[in-house]
Structures are given as structure tokens and as C-alpha cells.
Amino acid sequence: MSFNTIEPKEVERLLESDNTLNIIDVRENDEVAQGIIPTATHIPLGEIRKRMNELELNKEYVVVCRSGKRSEKACTILASNQFKVINMTGGMLSWKGKIKI
């Protein structure tokens, strides 16, 4: 159960050219309150197992957290349940793109 990684600058480039990128932010509520990628869906890591039913198996998801560790855990959980996922390395600490507060 492996998954790929993607650099934040590549996610930003893809969003600028094609707004259909599916992003899941697995940070906690207080972290997301400080800013989230505008098109991202917020599902805290602790809720990922019980909220998988909100996701579609035929879509690919970029998973984001603060630094890349929790999103890696989320990717492991989702990939083991047949979801197609990509971990954004460096997380929001490395994000230079737009955010919404």
C-alpha cells in the first residue's frame, strides 16, 4: 500500500491550471482556522476512518497537514482502504499559495 508524494509548489501549479484537484486537509480545527487551501475539504486525522464514506474511490486525493507527517498517516489509512492518495510533502509550512481564512 504505497502512495506518491507531491511538492506544494506542484499542487499550487496544478490548482492554477485545473481547479479539479481534490485536497483533504487533516489538521485540527484551530490550525485550519489560521488558513486552508481554498478548495480543500477539512477532515481532521482523528476523523478520517469514520468519514471515509464522504470520499469517492474513483477520485484521487492530495492530503495535506502542517508539516507532512499526519497527512502521511492519513494517506496510509486511506490507501489501505483502496483510495488513491498523494501526500503533500512539507505541509502547510511549505505552502506559498493562496489560503482562505
C-alpha atoms as a PDB file:
ATOM      1  CA  MET A   1       0.000   0.000   0.000  1.00  0.00           C
ATOM      2  CA  SER A   2       2.140   2.781  -1.307  1.00  0.00           C
ATOM      3  CA  PHE A   3       1.328   6.291  -2.381  1.00  0.00           C
ATOM      4  CA  ASN A   4       3.123   9.096  -4.149  1.00  0.00           C
ATOM      5  CA  THR A   5       4.196  12.456  -2.809  1.00  0.00           C
ATOM      6  CA  ILE A   6       3.856  15.888  -4.353  1.00  0.00           C
ATOM      7  CA  GLU A   7       5.613  19.186  -3.639  1.00  0.00           C
ATOM      8  CA  PRO A   8       3.489  22.167  -2.504  1.00  0.00           C
ATOM      9  CA  LYS A   9       4.625  24.235  -5.496  1.00  0.00           C
ATOM     10  CA  GLU A  10       3.371  21.486  -7.829  1.00  0.00           C
ATOM     11  CA  VAL A  11      -0.027  21.448  -6.058  1.00  0.00           C
ATOM     12  CA  GLU A  12      -0.184  25.224  -6.469  1.00  0.00           C
ATOM     13  CA  ARG A  13       0.674  24.947 -10.175  1.00  0.00           C
ATOM     14  CA  LEU A  14      -1.985  22.265 -10.707  1.00  0.00           C
ATOM     15  CA  LEU A  15      -4.604  24.368  -8.913  1.00  0.00           C
ATOM     16  CA  GLU A  16      -3.803  27.365 -11.110  1.00  0.00           C
ATOM     17  CA  SER A  17      -4.222  25.324 -14.280  1.00  0.00           C
ATOM     18  CA  ASP A  18      -7.040  22.989 -13.232  1.00  0.00           C
ATOM     19  CA  ASN A  19      -9.349  23.543 -10.298  1.00  0.00           C
ATOM     20  CA  THR A  20     -10.492  19.909 -10.064  1.00  0.00           C
ATOM     21  CA  LEU A  21      -7.727  18.821  -7.664  1.00  0.00           C
ATOM     22  CA  ASN A  22      -9.255  17.082  -4.632  1.00  0.00           C
ATOM     23  CA  ILE A  23      -7.482  18.197  -1.466  1.00  0.00           C
ATOM     24  CA  ILE A  24      -8.075  16.902   2.062  1.00  0.00           C
ATOM     25  CA  ASP A  25      -6.646  18.904   4.981  1.00  0.00           C
ATOM     26  CA  VAL A  26      -6.210  16.639   8.026  1.00  0.00           C
ATOM     27  CA  ARG A  27      -5.108  19.331  10.510  1.00  0.00           C
ATOM     28  CA  GLU A  28      -7.046  20.186  13.656  1.00  0.00           C
ATOM     29  CA  ASN A  29      -9.754  22.887  13.733  1.00  0.00           C
ATOM     30  CA  ASP A  30      -7.529  25.539  15.351  1.00  0.00           C
ATOM     31  CA  GLU A  31      -4.846  25.024  12.687  1.00  0.00           C
ATOM     32  CA  VAL A  32      -7.340  25.257   9.822  1.00  0.00           C
ATOM     33  CA  ALA A  33      -8.738  28.467  11.346  1.00  0.00           C
ATOM     34  CA  GLN A  34      -5.363  30.071  10.569  1.00  0.00           C
ATOM     35  CA  GLY A  35      -5.800  29.310   6.870  1.00  0.00           C
ATOM     36  CA  ILE A  36      -6.630  26.487   4.478  1.00  0.00           C
ATOM     37  CA  ILE A  37      -6.052  25.907   0.764  1.00  0.00           C
ATOM     38  CA  PRO A  38      -9.265  27.411  -0.711  1.00  0.00           C
ATOM     39  CA  THR A  39     -10.530  24.240  -2.424  1.00  0.00           C
ATOM     40  CA  ALA A  40      -9.561  21.830   0.392  1.00  0.00           C
ATOM     41  CA  THR A  41     -12.005  19.732   2.390  1.00  0.00           C
ATOM     42  CA  HIS A  42     -11.267  19.651   6.117  1.00  0.00           C
ATOM     43  CA  ILE A  43     -11.300  16.182   7.703  1.00  0.00           C
ATOM     44  CA  PRO A  44      -9.162  16.053  10.885  1.00  0.00           C
ATOM     45  CA  LEU A  45      -6.872  12.998  11.043  1.00  0.00           C
ATOM     46  CA  GLY A  46      -8.768  11.616  14.048  1.00  0.00           C
ATOM     47  CA  GLU A  47     -11.993  11.543  11.980  1.00  0.00           C
ATOM     48  CA  ILE A  48     -10.551  10.109   8.758  1.00  0.00           C
ATOM     49  CA  ARG A  49     -11.687   6.496   9.360  1.00  0.00           C
ATOM     50  CA  LYS A  50     -15.290   7.382  10.186  1.00  0.00           C
ATOM     51  CA  ARG A  51     -15.569   9.958   7.371  1.00  0.00           C
ATOM     52  CA  MET A  52     -14.186   7.828   4.515  1.00  0.00           C
ATOM     53  CA  ASN A  53     -17.759   7.437   3.302  1.00  0.00           C
ATOM     54  CA  GLU A  54     -17.604  11.119   2.242  1.00  0.00           C
ATOM     55  CA  LEU A  55     -14.843  10.275  -0.249  1.00  0.00           C
ATOM     56  CA  GLU A  56     -15.082   8.610  -3.651  1.00  0.00           C
ATOM     57  CA  LEU A  57     -12.922   5.615  -4.602  1.00  0.00           C
ATOM     58  CA  ASN A  58     -12.674   6.761  -8.214  1.00  0.00           C
ATOM     59  CA  LYS A  59     -11.118  10.134  -7.322  1.00  0.00           C
ATOM     60  CA  GLU A  60      -7.527  10.922  -6.409  1.00  0.00           C
ATOM     61  CA  TYR A  61      -6.879  12.990  -3.276  1.00  0.00           C
ATOM     62  CA  VAL A  62      -3.958  15.187  -2.249  1.00  0.00           C
ATOM     63  CA  VAL A  63      -3.653  15.012   1.546  1.00  0.00           C
ATOM     64  CA  VAL A  64      -2.270  17.989   3.492  1.00  0.00           C
ATOM     65  CA  CYS A  65      -1.344  18.726   7.117  1.00  0.00           C
ATOM     66  CA  ARG A  66       1.010  21.149   8.876  1.00  0.00           C
ATOM     67  CA  SER A  67       4.349  19.503   8.059  1.00  0.00           C
ATOM     68  CA  GLY A  68       3.570  16.296   6.136  1.00  0.00           C
ATOM     69  CA  LYS A  69       3.587  13.691   8.944  1.00  0.00           C
ATOM     70  CA  ARG A  70      -0.141  13.495   9.763  1.00  0.00           C
ATOM     71  CA  SER A  71      -1.013  13.589   6.075  1.00  0.00           C
ATOM     72  CA  GLU A  72       1.352  10.641   5.605  1.00  0.00           C
ATOM     73  CA  LYS A  73      -0.590   8.742   8.311  1.00  0.00           C
ATOM     74  CA  ALA A  74      -3.885   9.688   6.650  1.00  0.00           C
ATOM     75  CA  CYS A  75      -2.539   8.517   3.269  1.00  0.00           C
ATOM     76  CA  THR A  76      -1.580   5.168   4.809  1.00  0.00           C
ATOM     77  CA  ILE A  77      -5.096   4.735   6.239  1.00  0.00           C
ATOM     78  CA  LEU A  78      -6.824   5.790   3.015  1.00  0.00           C
ATOM     79  CA  ALA A  79      -4.522   3.785   0.713  1.00  0.00           C
ATOM     80  CA  SER A  80      -5.166   0.656   2.800  1.00  0.00           C
ATOM     81  CA  ASN A  81      -8.863   1.216   2.042  1.00  0.00           C
ATOM     82  CA  GLN A  82      -8.280   1.395  -1.740  1.00  0.00           C
ATOM     83  CA  PHE A  83      -8.315   5.206  -2.028  1.00  0.00           C
ATOM     84  CA  LYS A  84      -5.924   6.881  -4.472  1.00  0.00           C
ATOM     85  CA  VAL A  85      -3.925   9.394  -2.417  1.00  0.00           C
ATOM     86  CA  ILE A  86      -0.879  11.644  -2.744  1.00  0.00           C
ATOM     87  CA  ASN A  87       0.889  13.138   0.277  1.00  0.00           C
ATOM     88  CA  MET A  88       1.864  16.825   0.005  1.00  0.00           C
ATOM     89  CA  THR A  89       5.387  16.968   1.408  1.00  0.00           C
ATOM     90  CA  GLY A  90       6.271  19.802   3.778  1.00  0.00           C
ATOM     91  CA  GLY A  91       2.607  20.507   4.503  1.00  0.00           C
ATOM     92  CA  MET A  92       1.226  23.981   5.054  1.00  0.00           C
ATOM     93  CA  LEU A  93       4.590  25.093   6.476  1.00  0.00           C
ATOM     94  CA  SER A  94       5.884  24.892   2.888  1.00  0.00           C
ATOM     95  CA  TRP A  95       2.724  26.237   1.200  1.00  0.00           C
ATOM     96  CA  LYS A  96       3.231  29.570  -0.571  1.00  0.00           C
ATOM     97  CA  GLY A  97      -0.078  29.625  -2.445  1.00  0.00           C
ATOM     98  CA  LYS A  98      -3.419  31.200  -1.625  1.00  0.00           C
ATOM     99  CA  ILE A  99      -5.193  30.415   1.616  1.00  0.00           C
ATOM    100  CA  LYS A 100      -8.659  31.194   2.879  1.00  0.00           C
ATOM    101  CA  ILE A 101      -9.312  32.042   6.500  1.00  0.00           C
END
